[in-house]
Amino acid sequence: MEQGVHFITVATRDTDAARAFYVTGLGWQPLLDVPGEILFFQIAPGVTLGLFDAVKFAADMNSTDITGPAGLTLSHNVGSPDEVDRCLAKAAEAGAEIVKAGQQAAFGGYHGHFRDPNGLIWEVAHNPAWSVDPDGRVRLGLVES
């Protein structure tokens, strides 16, 4: 199997709350929006985030156990600590709960976390040791102290 992820699909208790948060609150444009079922957003080149109604997600999986992994976050890297704070403020204005205010991170950068209305946790980070080459290859190192 080739190493790669193209879709990240999350079981979502309330697709209307997700729409209000991501589309109305954050200004994201959906690739596909099927009310009461699923929203798809392109979140990176070739990568899509799906927010799928939890009941329909379980039916699609032929399972009632959709608890999934614990400790999951999606991370959004930005260009500066100020941009981290602006993103966290925008998320809070849109209805997110700030889990961790912007602050220096153990990895040497700056980050904070918010929880969307359905419980999905996002990290917003400035990591000067993270970069993407023109060919799409990610470079990840440690920030020198």
C-alpha atoms as a PDB file:
ATOM      1  CA  MET A   1       0.000   0.000   0.000  1.00  0.00           C
ATOM      2  CA  GLU A   2       1.324   3.413  -0.940  1.00  0.00           C
ATOM      3  CA  GLN A   3       1.903   5.805   1.953  1.00  0.00           C
ATOM      4  CA  GLY A   4      -0.703   8.555   1.807  1.00  0.00           C
ATOM      5  CA  VAL A   5      -4.018   9.924   3.042  1.00  0.00           C
ATOM      6  CA  HIS A   6      -6.562  11.497   0.714  1.00  0.00           C
ATOM      7  CA  PHE A   7      -9.705  11.641   2.860  1.00  0.00           C
ATOM      8  CA  ILE A   8     -10.032  12.169   6.595  1.00  0.00           C
ATOM      9  CA  THR A   9     -13.615  11.405   7.570  1.00  0.00           C
ATOM     10  CA  VAL A  10     -14.919  12.192  11.049  1.00  0.00           C
ATOM     11  CA  ALA A  11     -18.210  11.006  12.540  1.00  0.00           C
ATOM     12  CA  THR A  12     -20.109  14.184  13.397  1.00  0.00           C
ATOM     13  CA  ARG A  13     -23.037  14.426  15.824  1.00  0.00           C
ATOM     14  CA  ASP A  14     -24.526  17.539  14.213  1.00  0.00           C
ATOM     15  CA  THR A  15     -23.823  18.404  10.571  1.00  0.00           C
ATOM     16  CA  ASP A  16     -25.805  21.653  10.909  1.00  0.00           C
ATOM     17  CA  ALA A  17     -23.504  22.782  13.744  1.00  0.00           C
ATOM     18  CA  ALA A  18     -20.491  21.748  11.640  1.00  0.00           C
ATOM     19  CA  ARG A  19     -21.799  23.781   8.679  1.00  0.00           C
ATOM     20  CA  ALA A  20     -22.464  26.819  10.866  1.00  0.00           C
ATOM     21  CA  PHE A  21     -18.962  26.616  12.340  1.00  0.00           C
ATOM     22  CA  TYR A  22     -16.857  25.858   9.265  1.00  0.00           C
ATOM     23  CA  VAL A  23     -18.843  27.576   6.490  1.00  0.00           C
ATOM     24  CA  THR A  24     -20.539  30.490   8.232  1.00  0.00           C
ATOM     25  CA  GLY A  25     -18.061  31.013  11.082  1.00  0.00           C
ATOM     26  CA  LEU A  26     -14.700  30.274   9.461  1.00  0.00           C
ATOM     27  CA  GLY A  27     -15.644  31.006   5.843  1.00  0.00           C
ATOM     28  CA  TRP A  28     -14.594  27.614   4.453  1.00  0.00           C
ATOM     29  CA  GLN A  29     -16.048  26.588   1.093  1.00  0.00           C
ATOM     30  CA  PRO A  30     -17.369  23.014   0.908  1.00  0.00           C
ATOM     31  CA  LEU A  31     -16.527  20.786  -2.041  1.00  0.00           C
ATOM     32  CA  LEU A  32     -19.793  18.966  -1.400  1.00  0.00           C
ATOM     33  CA  ASP A  33     -22.556  19.630   1.103  1.00  0.00           C
ATOM     34  CA  VAL A  34     -25.333  17.086   1.520  1.00  0.00           C
ATOM     35  CA  PRO A  35     -27.545  18.501   4.322  1.00  0.00           C
ATOM     36  CA  GLY A  36     -28.121  16.038   7.145  1.00  0.00           C
ATOM     37  CA  GLU A  37     -25.443  13.700   5.802  1.00  0.00           C
ATOM     38  CA  ILE A  38     -21.932  14.988   5.018  1.00  0.00           C
ATOM     39  CA  LEU A  39     -19.771  18.015   4.273  1.00  0.00           C
ATOM     40  CA  PHE A  40     -16.488  17.732   2.375  1.00  0.00           C
ATOM     41  CA  PHE A  41     -13.756  20.393   2.474  1.00  0.00           C
ATOM     42  CA  GLN A  42     -10.469  20.389   0.606  1.00  0.00           C
ATOM     43  CA  ILE A  43      -7.930  21.027   3.371  1.00  0.00           C
ATOM     44  CA  ALA A  44      -4.669  20.578   1.430  1.00  0.00           C
ATOM     45  CA  PRO A  45      -3.608  19.644  -2.099  1.00  0.00           C
ATOM     46  CA  GLY A  46      -5.229  16.266  -2.703  1.00  0.00           C
ATOM     47  CA  VAL A  47      -6.583  15.990   0.869  1.00  0.00           C
ATOM     48  CA  THR A  48     -10.248  16.206   1.860  1.00  0.00           C
ATOM     49  CA  LEU A  49     -11.892  16.442   5.288  1.00  0.00           C
ATOM     50  CA  GLY A  50     -15.342  14.845   5.529  1.00  0.00           C
ATOM     51  CA  LEU A  51     -17.702  15.596   8.399  1.00  0.00           C
ATOM     52  CA  PHE A  52     -20.165  12.682   8.204  1.00  0.00           C
ATOM     53  CA  ASP A  53     -23.386  12.387  10.233  1.00  0.00           C
ATOM     54  CA  ALA A  54     -22.516   9.910  13.017  1.00  0.00           C
ATOM     55  CA  VAL A  55     -25.580   7.678  12.501  1.00  0.00           C
ATOM     56  CA  LYS A  56     -24.969   7.452   8.752  1.00  0.00           C
ATOM     57  CA  PHE A  57     -21.237   6.976   9.374  1.00  0.00           C
ATOM     58  CA  ALA A  58     -21.992   3.956  11.585  1.00  0.00           C
ATOM     59  CA  ALA A  59     -24.403   2.522   8.992  1.00  0.00           C
ATOM     60  CA  ASP A  60     -21.769   2.956   6.269  1.00  0.00           C
ATOM     61  CA  MET A  61     -19.293   1.028   8.445  1.00  0.00           C
ATOM     62  CA  ASN A  62     -21.861  -1.722   9.262  1.00  0.00           C
ATOM     63  CA  SER A  63     -21.087  -1.062  12.905  1.00  0.00           C
ATOM     64  CA  THR A  64     -22.457   0.570  15.989  1.00  0.00           C
ATOM     65  CA  ASP A  65     -18.957   1.059  17.419  1.00  0.00           C
ATOM     66  CA  ILE A  66     -17.647   4.286  15.893  1.00  0.00           C
ATOM     67  CA  THR A  67     -15.718   5.496  18.905  1.00  0.00           C
ATOM     68  CA  GLY A  68     -12.430   5.555  16.983  1.00  0.00           C
ATOM     69  CA  PRO A  69      -9.066   6.541  18.369  1.00  0.00           C
ATOM     70  CA  ALA A  70      -8.684   8.817  21.376  1.00  0.00           C
ATOM     71  CA  GLY A  71      -6.292  11.715  21.442  1.00  0.00           C
ATOM     72  CA  LEU A  72      -6.774  12.775  17.823  1.00  0.00           C
ATOM     73  CA  THR A  73      -6.052  16.338  16.716  1.00  0.00           C
ATOM     74  CA  LEU A  74      -5.898  17.957  13.307  1.00  0.00           C
ATOM     75  CA  SER A  75      -3.144  20.548  13.041  1.00  0.00           C
ATOM     76  CA  HIS A  76      -3.059  23.747  11.015  1.00  0.00           C
ATOM     77  CA  ASN A  77       0.394  25.327  10.673  1.00  0.00           C
ATOM     78  CA  VAL A  78       0.656  29.088  10.188  1.00  0.00           C
ATOM     79  CA  GLY A  79       3.414  31.641   9.608  1.00  0.00           C
ATOM     80  CA  SER A  80       3.735  33.340  12.997  1.00  0.00           C
ATOM     81  CA  PRO A  81       2.679  33.297  16.656  1.00  0.00           C
ATOM     82  CA  ASP A  82       0.401  36.297  15.955  1.00  0.00           C
ATOM     83  CA  GLU A  83      -1.332  34.268  13.253  1.00  0.00           C
ATOM     84  CA  VAL A  84      -1.873  31.440  15.758  1.00  0.00           C
ATOM     85  CA  ASP A  85      -3.615  33.897  18.092  1.00  0.00           C
ATOM     86  CA  ARG A  86      -5.715  35.351  15.239  1.00  0.00           C
ATOM     87  CA  CYS A  87      -6.830  31.861  14.132  1.00  0.00           C
ATOM     88  CA  LEU A  88      -7.761  30.900  17.687  1.00  0.00           C
ATOM     89  CA  ALA A  89      -9.746  34.131  18.074  1.00  0.00           C
ATOM     90  CA  LYS A  90     -11.576  33.519  14.764  1.00  0.00           C
ATOM     91  CA  ALA A  91     -12.423  29.961  15.857  1.00  0.00           C
ATOM     92  CA  ALA A  92     -13.746  31.240  19.208  1.00  0.00           C
ATOM     93  CA  GLU A  93     -15.879  33.857  17.420  1.00  0.00           C
ATOM     94  CA  ALA A  94     -17.288  31.046  15.261  1.00  0.00           C
ATOM     95  CA  GLY A  95     -18.290  29.037  18.346  1.00  0.00           C
ATOM     96  CA  ALA A  96     -15.211  26.944  19.168  1.00  0.00           C
ATOM     97  CA  GLU A  97     -14.120  26.238  22.710  1.00  0.00           C
ATOM     98  CA  ILE A  98     -10.513  27.277  23.296  1.00  0.00           C
ATOM     99  CA  VAL A  99      -8.872  24.248  24.902  1.00  0.00           C
ATOM    100  CA  LYS A 100      -5.388  25.765  25.166  1.00  0.00           C
ATOM    101  CA  ALA A 101      -4.626  29.433  24.556  1.00  0.00           C
ATOM    102  CA  GLY A 102      -1.692  30.292  22.315  1.00  0.00           C
ATOM    103  CA  GLN A 103       1.603  29.687  24.101  1.00  0.00           C
ATOM    104  CA  GLN A 104       5.165  28.484  23.663  1.00  0.00           C
ATOM    105  CA  ALA A 105       5.211  24.792  22.787  1.00  0.00           C
ATOM    106  CA  ALA A 106       7.500  22.038  24.023  1.00  0.00           C
ATOM    107  CA  PHE A 107       8.746  21.592  20.425  1.00  0.00           C
ATOM    108  CA  GLY A 108      10.041  25.165  20.459  1.00  0.00           C
ATOM    109  CA  GLY A 109       7.304  26.770  18.400  1.00  0.00           C
ATOM    110  CA  TYR A 110       4.039  28.399  19.454  1.00  0.00           C
ATOM    111  CA  HIS A 111       0.597  26.774  19.474  1.00  0.00           C
ATOM    112  CA  GLY A 112      -2.909  26.545  20.891  1.00  0.00           C
ATOM    113  CA  HIS A 113      -5.911  24.230  20.566  1.00  0.00           C
ATOM    114  CA  PHE A 114      -9.639  24.612  19.997  1.00  0.00           C
ATOM    115  CA  ARG A 115     -12.590  22.192  19.997  1.00  0.00           C
ATOM    116  CA  ASP A 116     -15.204  22.550  17.242  1.00  0.00           C
ATOM    117  CA  PRO A 117     -18.940  22.250  18.085  1.00  0.00           C
ATOM    118  CA  ASN A 118     -18.825  18.466  17.488  1.00  0.00           C
ATOM    119  CA  GLY A 119     -15.771  17.843  19.679  1.00  0.00           C
ATOM    120  CA  LEU A 120     -13.046  17.686  17.002  1.00  0.00           C
ATOM    121  CA  ILE A 121      -9.846  19.218  18.384  1.00  0.00           C
ATOM    122  CA  TRP A 122      -7.644  21.374  16.173  1.00  0.00           C
ATOM    123  CA  GLU A 123      -4.139  22.570  16.930  1.00  0.00           C
ATOM    124  CA  VAL A 124      -3.043  25.865  15.400  1.00  0.00           C
ATOM    125  CA  ALA A 125       0.744  26.022  15.396  1.00  0.00           C
ATOM    126  CA  HIS A 126       3.689  28.086  14.280  1.00  0.00           C
ATOM    127  CA  ASN A 127       6.618  25.701  13.884  1.00  0.00           C
ATOM    128  CA  PRO A 128       9.562  27.352  12.157  1.00  0.00           C
ATOM    129  CA  ALA A 129      11.183  23.908  11.696  1.00  0.00           C
ATOM    130  CA  TRP A 130       8.228  22.686   9.560  1.00  0.00           C
ATOM    131  CA  SER A 131       8.224  23.363   5.841  1.00  0.00           C
ATOM    132  CA  VAL A 132       6.986  21.941   2.556  1.00  0.00           C
ATOM    133  CA  ASP A 133       9.303  21.635  -0.454  1.00  0.00           C
ATOM    134  CA  PRO A 134       8.038  22.666  -3.919  1.00  0.00           C
ATOM    135  CA  ASP A 135       7.503  18.950  -4.700  1.00  0.00           C
ATOM    136  CA  GLY A 136       5.235  18.614  -1.630  1.00  0.00           C
ATOM    137  CA  ARG A 137       7.732  16.790   0.600  1.00  0.00           C
ATOM    138  CA  VAL A 138       7.384  17.791   4.263  1.00  0.00           C
ATOM    139  CA  ARG A 139      10.473  18.762   6.232  1.00  0.00           C
ATOM    140  CA  LEU A 140      10.084  18.444   9.966  1.00  0.00           C
ATOM    141  CA  GLY A 141      12.827  19.193  12.454  1.00  0.00           C
ATOM    142  CA  LEU A 142      13.298  20.557  15.911  1.00  0.00           C
ATOM    143  CA  VAL A 143      13.454  24.259  16.642  1.00  0.00           C
ATOM    144  CA  GLU A 144      16.909  25.164  17.934  1.00  0.00           C
ATOM    145  CA  SER A 145      16.850  26.769  21.382  1.00  0.00           C
END
